[in-house]
Amino acid sequence: MKTVNVRNLQRKVSECVDAAQKEAVVVTRHGQPAAIVIGVEGDDWEDVFYRTSPAFWKMIEERRRGKTIPLAEMRRRLDARWARQKPKR
């Protein structure tokens, strides 16, 4: 994994972006990791957003911990709901 310190990042930003297309580049401050540059060239904007969104991943984890129901039960519930709805004229 390539590393670059914050001081050198400004003059090497283009080189770091190019390198990040192949592997993550760790940016250090005072010898400690401070950030990671990850290449996304060719990726869809929406994919990049969701991969890097803490709120999205929090929602996914909450849904995974939630209660699930079998498909047959879901179909039964939907059929009952549709049966209660009056047809529109």
PDB file of N, CA and C in Angstrom:
ATOM      1  N   MET A   1       0.851  -1.166   0.000  1.00  0.00           N
ATOM      2  CA  MET A   1       0.000   0.000   0.000  1.00  0.00           C
ATOM      3  C   MET A   1       0.903   1.237   0.000  1.00  0.00           C
ATOM      4  N   LYS A   2       0.587   2.163  -0.871  1.00  0.00           N
ATOM      5  CA  LYS A   2       1.369   3.392  -0.985  1.00  0.00           C
ATOM      6  C   LYS A   2       0.957   4.370   0.115  1.00  0.00           C
ATOM      7  N   THR A   3       1.938   5.121   0.621  1.00  0.00           N
ATOM      8  CA  THR A   3       1.637   6.159   1.607  1.00  0.00           C
ATOM      9  C   THR A   3       2.262   7.474   1.154  1.00  0.00           C
ATOM     10  N   VAL A   4       1.655   8.558   1.575  1.00  0.00           N
ATOM     11  CA  VAL A   4       2.178   9.897   1.309  1.00  0.00           C
ATOM     12  C   VAL A   4       1.805  10.766   2.501  1.00  0.00           C
ATOM     13  N   ASN A   5       2.735  11.637   2.918  1.00  0.00           N
ATOM     14  CA  ASN A   5       2.384  12.496   4.047  1.00  0.00           C
ATOM     15  C   ASN A   5       1.656  13.740   3.542  1.00  0.00           C
ATOM     16  N   VAL A   6       0.962  14.402   4.439  1.00  0.00           N
ATOM     17  CA  VAL A   6       0.127  15.547   4.087  1.00  0.00           C
ATOM     18  C   VAL A   6       0.944  16.631   3.383  1.00  0.00           C
ATOM     19  N   ARG A   7       2.154  16.867   3.848  1.00  0.00           N
ATOM     20  CA  ARG A   7       3.000  17.903   3.231  1.00  0.00           C
ATOM     21  C   ARG A   7       3.266  17.617   1.761  1.00  0.00           C
ATOM     22  N   ASN A   8       3.572  16.371   1.459  1.00  0.00           N
ATOM     23  CA  ASN A   8       3.905  16.010   0.077  1.00  0.00           C
ATOM     24  C   ASN A   8       2.674  15.795  -0.795  1.00  0.00           C
ATOM     25  N   LEU A   9       1.533  15.623  -0.179  1.00  0.00           N
ATOM     26  CA  LEU A   9       0.319  15.342  -0.953  1.00  0.00           C
ATOM     27  C   LEU A   9       0.002  16.453  -1.943  1.00  0.00           C
ATOM     28  N   GLN A  10       0.160  17.707  -1.519  1.00  0.00           N
ATOM     29  CA  GLN A  10      -0.203  18.826  -2.387  1.00  0.00           C
ATOM     30  C   GLN A  10       0.600  18.810  -3.691  1.00  0.00           C
ATOM     31  N   ARG A  11       1.872  18.498  -3.627  1.00  0.00           N
ATOM     32  CA  ARG A  11       2.657  18.494  -4.860  1.00  0.00           C
ATOM     33  C   ARG A  11       2.592  17.155  -5.590  1.00  0.00           C
ATOM     34  N   LYS A  12       2.050  16.125  -4.940  1.00  0.00           N
ATOM     35  CA  LYS A  12       1.960  14.806  -5.561  1.00  0.00           C
ATOM     36  C   LYS A  12       0.516  14.360  -5.771  1.00  0.00           C
ATOM     37  N   VAL A  13      -0.437  15.280  -5.724  1.00  0.00           N
ATOM     38  CA  VAL A  13      -1.843  14.878  -5.769  1.00  0.00           C
ATOM     39  C   VAL A  13      -2.168  14.109  -7.052  1.00  0.00           C
ATOM     40  N   SER A  14      -1.683  14.561  -8.196  1.00  0.00           N
ATOM     41  CA  SER A  14      -1.969  13.874  -9.456  1.00  0.00           C
ATOM     42  C   SER A  14      -1.387  12.457  -9.441  1.00  0.00           C
ATOM     43  N   GLU A  15      -0.168  12.337  -8.956  1.00  0.00           N
ATOM     44  CA  GLU A  15       0.479  11.024  -8.851  1.00  0.00           C
ATOM     45  C   GLU A  15      -0.304  10.105  -7.899  1.00  0.00           C
ATOM     46  N   CYS A  16      -0.778  10.664  -6.792  1.00  0.00           N
ATOM     47  CA  CYS A  16      -1.548   9.870  -5.823  1.00  0.00           C
ATOM     48  C   CYS A  16      -2.881   9.408  -6.405  1.00  0.00           C
ATOM     49  N   VAL A  17      -3.548  10.288  -7.149  1.00  0.00           N
ATOM     50  CA  VAL A  17      -4.823   9.907  -7.768  1.00  0.00           C
ATOM     51  C   VAL A  17      -4.588   8.789  -8.776  1.00  0.00           C
ATOM     52  N   ASP A  18      -3.523   8.897  -9.558  1.00  0.00           N
ATOM     53  CA  ASP A  18      -3.203   7.834 -10.518  1.00  0.00           C
ATOM     54  C   ASP A  18      -2.912   6.518  -9.793  1.00  0.00           C
ATOM     55  N   ALA A  19      -2.113   6.582  -8.742  1.00  0.00           N
ATOM     56  CA  ALA A  19      -1.765   5.374  -7.981  1.00  0.00           C
ATOM     57  C   ALA A  19      -2.994   4.767  -7.319  1.00  0.00           C
ATOM     58  N   ALA A  20      -3.925   5.616  -6.892  1.00  0.00           N
ATOM     59  CA  ALA A  20      -5.125   5.139  -6.192  1.00  0.00           C
ATOM     60  C   ALA A  20      -6.041   4.328  -7.099  1.00  0.00           C
ATOM     61  N   GLN A  21      -5.871   4.437  -8.401  1.00  0.00           N
ATOM     62  CA  GLN A  21      -6.685   3.633  -9.313  1.00  0.00           C
ATOM     63  C   GLN A  21      -6.303   2.156  -9.226  1.00  0.00           C
ATOM     64  N   LYS A  22      -5.085   1.882  -8.747  1.00  0.00           N
ATOM     65  CA  LYS A  22      -4.601   0.499  -8.624  1.00  0.00           C
ATOM     66  C   LYS A  22      -4.670  -0.024  -7.196  1.00  0.00           C
ATOM     67  N   GLU A  23      -4.393   0.858  -6.229  1.00  0.00           N
ATOM     68  CA  GLU A  23      -4.431   0.474  -4.816  1.00  0.00           C
ATOM     69  C   GLU A  23      -4.662   1.719  -3.964  1.00  0.00           C
ATOM     70  N   ALA A  24      -5.183   1.512  -2.783  1.00  0.00           N
ATOM     71  CA  ALA A  24      -5.459   2.634  -1.884  1.00  0.00           C
ATOM     72  C   ALA A  24      -4.161   3.341  -1.508  1.00  0.00           C
ATOM     73  N   VAL A  25      -4.234   4.649  -1.377  1.00  0.00           N
ATOM     74  CA  VAL A  25      -3.094   5.457  -0.949  1.00  0.00           C
ATOM     75  C   VAL A  25      -3.439   6.032   0.424  1.00  0.00           C
ATOM     76  N   VAL A  26      -2.605   5.740   1.403  1.00  0.00           N
ATOM     77  CA  VAL A  26      -2.824   6.233   2.761  1.00  0.00           C
ATOM     78  C   VAL A  26      -2.103   7.571   2.924  1.00  0.00           C
ATOM     79  N   VAL A  27      -2.839   8.566   3.369  1.00  0.00           N
ATOM     80  CA  VAL A  27      -2.267   9.885   3.650  1.00  0.00           C
ATOM     81  C   VAL A  27      -1.980   9.933   5.144  1.00  0.00           C
ATOM     82  N   THR A  28      -0.742  10.278   5.483  1.00  0.00           N
ATOM     83  CA  THR A  28      -0.360  10.309   6.896  1.00  0.00           C
ATOM     84  C   THR A  28      -0.129  11.742   7.367  1.00  0.00           C
ATOM     85  N   ARG A  29      -0.346  11.921   8.668  1.00  0.00           N
ATOM     86  CA  ARG A  29      -0.045  13.194   9.331  1.00  0.00           C
ATOM     87  C   ARG A  29       0.716  12.833  10.601  1.00  0.00           C
ATOM     88  N   HIS A  30       1.918  13.379  10.724  1.00  0.00           N
ATOM     89  CA  HIS A  30       2.790  13.062  11.868  1.00  0.00           C
ATOM     90  C   HIS A  30       3.004  11.552  11.980  1.00  0.00           C
ATOM     91  N   GLY A  31       3.117  10.890  10.832  1.00  0.00           N
ATOM     92  CA  GLY A  31       3.394   9.460  10.811  1.00  0.00           C
ATOM     93  C   GLY A  31       2.198   8.561  11.072  1.00  0.00           C
ATOM     94  N   GLN A  32       1.036   9.141  11.288  1.00  0.00           N
ATOM     95  CA  GLN A  32      -0.172   8.361  11.574  1.00  0.00           C
ATOM     96  C   GLN A  32      -1.159   8.471  10.410  1.00  0.00           C
ATOM     97  N   PRO A  33      -1.886   7.403  10.104  1.00  0.00           N
ATOM     98  CA  PRO A  33      -2.880   7.477   9.023  1.00  0.00           C
ATOM     99  C   PRO A  33      -3.909   8.570   9.308  1.00  0.00           C
ATOM    100  N   ALA A  34      -4.196   9.394   8.286  1.00  0.00           N
ATOM    101  CA  ALA A  34      -5.164  10.480   8.436  1.00  0.00           C
ATOM    102  C   ALA A  34      -6.297  10.366   7.425  1.00  0.00           C
ATOM    103  N   ALA A  35      -6.015   9.766   6.269  1.00  0.00           N
ATOM    104  CA  ALA A  35      -7.033   9.638   5.221  1.00  0.00           C
ATOM    105  C   ALA A  35      -6.597   8.553   4.245  1.00  0.00           C
ATOM    106  N   ILE A  36      -7.537   8.138   3.430  1.00  0.00           N
ATOM    107  CA  ILE A  36      -7.250   7.163   2.381  1.00  0.00           C
ATOM    108  C   ILE A  36      -7.784   7.720   1.069  1.00  0.00           C
ATOM    109  N   VAL A  37      -6.974   7.621   0.025  1.00  0.00           N
ATOM    110  CA  VAL A  37      -7.408   8.002  -1.319  1.00  0.00           C
ATOM    111  C   VAL A  37      -7.686   6.703  -2.064  1.00  0.00           C
ATOM    112  N   ILE A  38      -8.917   6.567  -2.553  1.00  0.00           N
ATOM    113  CA  ILE A  38      -9.328   5.353  -3.263  1.00  0.00           C
ATOM    114  C   ILE A  38      -9.782   5.753  -4.657  1.00  0.00           C
ATOM    115  N   GLY A  39      -9.240   5.105  -5.666  1.00  0.00           N
ATOM    116  CA  GLY A  39      -9.594   5.417  -7.043  1.00  0.00           C
ATOM    117  C   GLY A  39     -11.010   4.977  -7.380  1.00  0.00           C
ATOM    118  N   VAL A  40     -11.706   5.832  -8.110  1.00  0.00           N
ATOM    119  CA  VAL A  40     -13.077   5.518  -8.517  1.00  0.00           C
ATOM    120  C   VAL A  40     -13.291   5.777 -10.012  1.00  0.00           C
ATOM    121  N   GLU A  41     -12.197   5.955 -10.751  1.00  0.00           N
ATOM    122  CA  GLU A  41     -12.327   6.205 -12.188  1.00  0.00           C
ATOM    123  C   GLU A  41     -13.139   5.104 -12.842  1.00  0.00           C
ATOM    124  N   GLY A  42     -14.111   5.502 -13.639  1.00  0.00           N
ATOM    125  CA  GLY A  42     -14.940   4.539 -14.353  1.00  0.00           C
ATOM    126  C   GLY A  42     -16.124   4.031 -13.555  1.00  0.00           C
ATOM    127  N   ASP A  43     -16.189   4.369 -12.279  1.00  0.00           N
ATOM    128  CA  ASP A  43     -17.318   3.936 -11.449  1.00  0.00           C
ATOM    129  C   ASP A  43     -18.494   4.890 -11.622  1.00  0.00           C
ATOM    130  N   ASP A  44     -19.669   4.375 -11.410  1.00  0.00           N
ATOM    131  CA  ASP A  44     -20.881   5.176 -11.445  1.00  0.00           C
ATOM    132  C   ASP A  44     -20.937   6.052 -10.190  1.00  0.00           C
ATOM    133  N   TRP A  45     -21.367   7.318 -10.340  1.00  0.00           N
ATOM    134  CA  TRP A  45     -21.449   8.241  -9.203  1.00  0.00           C
ATOM    135  C   TRP A  45     -22.297   7.677  -8.071  1.00  0.00           C
ATOM    136  N   GLU A  46     -23.405   7.057  -8.430  1.00  0.00           N
ATOM    137  CA  GLU A  46     -24.301   6.510  -7.408  1.00  0.00           C
ATOM    138  C   GLU A  46     -23.612   5.396  -6.623  1.00  0.00           C
ATOM    139  N   ASP A  47     -22.865   4.535  -7.316  1.00  0.00           N
ATOM    140  CA  ASP A  47     -22.125   3.472  -6.628  1.00  0.00           C
ATOM    141  C   ASP A  47     -21.107   4.053  -5.655  1.00  0.00           C
ATOM    142  N   VAL A  48     -20.397   5.079  -6.095  1.00  0.00           N
ATOM    143  CA  VAL A  48     -19.401   5.722  -5.234  1.00  0.00           C
ATOM    144  C   VAL A  48     -20.080   6.304  -3.998  1.00  0.00           C
ATOM    145  N   PHE A  49     -21.195   6.981  -4.208  1.00  0.00           N
ATOM    146  CA  PHE A  49     -21.915   7.578  -3.083  1.00  0.00           C
ATOM    147  C   PHE A  49     -22.311   6.519  -2.059  1.00  0.00           C
ATOM    148  N   TYR A  50     -22.940   5.439  -2.513  1.00  0.00           N
ATOM    149  CA  TYR A  50     -23.421   4.437  -1.564  1.00  0.00           C
ATOM    150  C   TYR A  50     -22.285   3.674  -0.894  1.00  0.00           C
ATOM    151  N   ARG A  51     -21.208   3.413  -1.609  1.00  0.00           N
ATOM    152  CA  ARG A  51     -20.072   2.713  -0.995  1.00  0.00           C
ATOM    153  C   ARG A  51     -19.443   3.541   0.113  1.00  0.00           C
ATOM    154  N   THR A  52     -19.526   4.863  -0.002  1.00  0.00           N
ATOM    155  CA  THR A  52     -18.832   5.728   0.953  1.00  0.00           C
ATOM    156  C   THR A  52     -19.765   6.445   1.919  1.00  0.00           C
ATOM    157  N   SER A  53     -21.038   6.106   1.913  1.00  0.00           N
ATOM    158  CA  SER A  53     -22.009   6.798   2.758  1.00  0.00           C
ATOM    159  C   SER A  53     -22.229   6.067   4.083  1.00  0.00           C
ATOM    160  N   PRO A  54     -21.754   6.626   5.197  1.00  0.00           N
ATOM    161  CA  PRO A  54     -21.999   5.997   6.493  1.00  0.00           C
ATOM    162  C   PRO A  54     -23.497   5.862   6.796  1.00  0.00           C
ATOM    163  N   ALA A  55     -24.286   6.846   6.398  1.00  0.00           N
ATOM    164  CA  ALA A  55     -25.733   6.789   6.660  1.00  0.00           C
ATOM    165  C   ALA A  55     -26.373   5.616   5.922  1.00  0.00           C
ATOM    166  N   PHE A  56     -25.947   5.375   4.687  1.00  0.00           N
ATOM    167  CA  PHE A  56     -26.481   4.254   3.910  1.00  0.00           C
ATOM    168  C   PHE A  56     -26.148   2.927   4.595  1.00  0.00           C
ATOM    169  N   TRP A  57     -24.886   2.746   5.000  1.00  0.00           N
ATOM    170  CA  TRP A  57     -24.483   1.482   5.621  1.00  0.00           C
ATOM    171  C   TRP A  57     -25.115   1.300   6.997  1.00  0.00           C
ATOM    172  N   LYS A  58     -25.359   2.397   7.702  1.00  0.00           N
ATOM    173  CA  LYS A  58     -26.076   2.305   8.979  1.00  0.00           C
ATOM    174  C   LYS A  58     -27.493   1.789   8.737  1.00  0.00           C
ATOM    175  N   MET A  59     -28.156   2.323   7.695  1.00  0.00           N
ATOM    176  CA  MET A  59     -29.508   1.883   7.357  1.00  0.00           C
ATOM    177  C   MET A  59     -29.511   0.392   6.988  1.00  0.00           C
ATOM    178  N   ILE A  60     -28.525  -0.045   6.215  1.00  0.00           N
ATOM    179  CA  ILE A  60     -28.432  -1.457   5.826  1.00  0.00           C
ATOM    180  C   ILE A  60     -28.301  -2.334   7.072  1.00  0.00           C
ATOM    181  N   GLU A  61     -27.414  -1.956   7.985  1.00  0.00           N
ATOM    182  CA  GLU A  61     -27.231  -2.734   9.214  1.00  0.00           C
ATOM    183  C   GLU A  61     -28.509  -2.775  10.046  1.00  0.00           C
ATOM    184  N   GLU A  62     -29.217  -1.664  10.147  1.00  0.00           N
ATOM    185  CA  GLU A  62     -30.474  -1.642  10.898  1.00  0.00           C
ATOM    186  C   GLU A  62     -31.496  -2.577  10.261  1.00  0.00           C
ATOM    187  N   ARG A  63     -31.565  -2.569   8.951  1.00  0.00           N
ATOM    188  CA  ARG A  63     -32.525  -3.441   8.258  1.00  0.00           C
ATOM    189  C   ARG A  63     -32.162  -4.911   8.439  1.00  0.00           C
ATOM    190  N   ARG A  64     -30.876  -5.214   8.432  1.00  0.00           N
ATOM    191  CA  ARG A  64     -30.437  -6.608   8.609  1.00  0.00           C
ATOM    192  C   ARG A  64     -30.773  -7.124  10.004  1.00  0.00           C
ATOM    193  N   ARG A  65     -30.757  -6.236  10.992  1.00  0.00           N
ATOM    194  CA  ARG A  65     -31.089  -6.640  12.362  1.00  0.00           C
ATOM    195  C   ARG A  65     -32.592  -6.719  12.582  1.00  0.00           C
ATOM    196  N   GLY A  66     -33.347  -6.149  11.683  1.00  0.00           N
ATOM    197  CA  GLY A  66     -34.799  -6.100  11.837  1.00  0.00           C
ATOM    198  C   GLY A  66     -35.461  -7.447  11.610  1.00  0.00           C
ATOM    199  N   LYS A  67     -36.720  -7.500  11.987  1.00  0.00           N
ATOM    200  CA  LYS A  67     -37.511  -8.716  11.846  1.00  0.00           C
ATOM    201  C   LYS A  67     -37.868  -8.930  10.375  1.00  0.00           C
ATOM    202  N   THR A  68     -37.811 -10.162   9.941  1.00  0.00           N
ATOM    203  CA  THR A  68     -38.201 -10.504   8.573  1.00  0.00           C
ATOM    204  C   THR A  68     -39.411 -11.426   8.613  1.00  0.00           C
ATOM    205  N   ILE A  69     -40.092 -11.520   7.468  1.00  0.00           N
ATOM    206  CA  ILE A  69     -41.230 -12.433   7.369  1.00  0.00           C
ATOM    207  C   ILE A  69     -41.060 -13.266   6.108  1.00  0.00           C
ATOM    208  N   PRO A  70     -41.617 -14.475   6.100  1.00  0.00           N
ATOM    209  CA  PRO A  70     -41.524 -15.326   4.915  1.00  0.00           C
ATOM    210  C   PRO A  70     -42.274 -14.693   3.738  1.00  0.00           C
ATOM    211  N   LEU A  71     -41.858 -15.033   2.535  1.00  0.00           N
ATOM    212  CA  LEU A  71     -42.477 -14.508   1.328  1.00  0.00           C
ATOM    213  C   LEU A  71     -43.969 -14.818   1.282  1.00  0.00           C
ATOM    214  N   ALA A  72     -44.363 -16.019   1.677  1.00  0.00           N
ATOM    215  CA  ALA A  72     -45.780 -16.396   1.653  1.00  0.00           C
ATOM    216  C   ALA A  72     -46.609 -15.468   2.551  1.00  0.00           C
ATOM    217  N   GLU A  73     -46.067 -15.100   3.703  1.00  0.00           N
ATOM    218  CA  GLU A  73     -46.763 -14.182   4.607  1.00  0.00           C
ATOM    219  C   GLU A  73     -46.879 -12.794   3.980  1.00  0.00           C
ATOM    220  N   MET A  74     -45.829 -12.345   3.330  1.00  0.00           N
ATOM    221  CA  MET A  74     -45.877 -11.039   2.672  1.00  0.00           C
ATOM    222  C   MET A  74     -46.927 -11.030   1.564  1.00  0.00           C
ATOM    223  N   ARG A  75     -46.990 -12.089   0.794  1.00  0.00           N
ATOM    224  CA  ARG A  75     -48.003 -12.184  -0.264  1.00  0.00           C
ATOM    225  C   ARG A  75     -49.413 -12.150   0.331  1.00  0.00           C
ATOM    226  N   ARG A  76     -49.607 -12.864   1.441  1.00  0.00           N
ATOM    227  CA  ARG A  76     -50.911 -12.881   2.098  1.00  0.00           C
ATOM    228  C   ARG A  76     -51.305 -11.470   2.535  1.00  0.00           C
ATOM    229  N   ARG A  77     -50.365 -10.751   3.126  1.00  0.00           N
ATOM    230  CA  ARG A  77     -50.642  -9.387   3.581  1.00  0.00           C
ATOM    231  C   ARG A  77     -50.966  -8.456   2.408  1.00  0.00           C
ATOM    232  N   LEU A  78     -50.209  -8.573   1.339  1.00  0.00           N
ATOM    233  CA  LEU A  78     -50.470  -7.722   0.173  1.00  0.00           C
ATOM    234  C   LEU A  78     -51.813  -8.049  -0.463  1.00  0.00           C
ATOM    235  N   ASP A  79     -52.118  -9.340  -0.576  1.00  0.00           N
ATOM    236  CA  ASP A  79     -53.416  -9.735  -1.139  1.00  0.00           C
ATOM    237  C   ASP A  79     -54.558  -9.164  -0.301  1.00  0.00           C
ATOM    238  N   ALA A  80     -54.420  -9.220   1.021  1.00  0.00           N
ATOM    239  CA  ALA A  80     -55.455  -8.686   1.908  1.00  0.00           C
ATOM    240  C   ALA A  80     -55.586  -7.172   1.735  1.00  0.00           C
ATOM    241  N   ARG A  81     -54.480  -6.484   1.605  1.00  0.00           N
ATOM    242  CA  ARG A  81     -54.522  -5.030   1.420  1.00  0.00           C
ATOM    243  C   ARG A  81     -55.186  -4.680   0.094  1.00  0.00           C
ATOM    244  N   TRP A  82     -54.834  -5.380  -0.969  1.00  0.00           N
ATOM    245  CA  TRP A  82     -55.421  -5.099  -2.281  1.00  0.00           C
ATOM    246  C   TRP A  82     -56.918  -5.410  -2.293  1.00  0.00           C
ATOM    247  N   ALA A  83     -57.308  -6.433  -1.563  1.00  0.00           N
ATOM    248  CA  ALA A  83     -58.730  -6.798  -1.507  1.00  0.00           C
ATOM    249  C   ALA A  83     -59.550  -5.714  -0.801  1.00  0.00           C
ATOM    250  N   ARG A  84     -58.941  -5.014   0.164  1.00  0.00           N
ATOM    251  CA  ARG A  84     -59.646  -3.955   0.895  1.00  0.00           C
ATOM    252  C   ARG A  84     -59.779  -2.665   0.089  1.00  0.00           C
ATOM    253  N   GLN A  85     -58.895  -2.472  -0.858  1.00  0.00           N
ATOM    254  CA  GLN A  85     -58.940  -1.234  -1.646  1.00  0.00           C
ATOM    255  C   GLN A  85     -60.104  -1.268  -2.624  1.00  0.00           C
ATOM    256  N   LYS A  86     -60.783  -0.148  -2.726  1.00  0.00           N
ATOM    257  CA  LYS A  86     -61.898  -0.044  -3.659  1.00  0.00           C
ATOM    258  C   LYS A  86     -61.352   0.317  -5.035  1.00  0.00           C
ATOM    259  N   PRO A  87     -61.914  -0.259  -6.080  1.00  0.00           N
ATOM    260  CA  PRO A  87     -61.454   0.111  -7.428  1.00  0.00           C
ATOM    261  C   PRO A  87     -61.802   1.566  -7.722  1.00  0.00           C
ATOM    262  N   LYS A  88     -60.886   2.252  -8.400  1.00  0.00           N
ATOM    263  CA  LYS A  88     -61.117   3.653  -8.767  1.00  0.00           C
ATOM    264  C   LYS A  88     -61.850   3.711 -10.095  1.00  0.00           C
ATOM    265  N   ARG A  89     -62.752   4.681 -10.214  1.00  0.00           N
ATOM    266  CA  ARG A  89     -63.513   4.830 -11.466  1.00  0.00           C
ATOM    267  C   ARG A  89     -63.054   6.021 -12.231  1.00  0.00           C
TER     268      ARG A  89
END
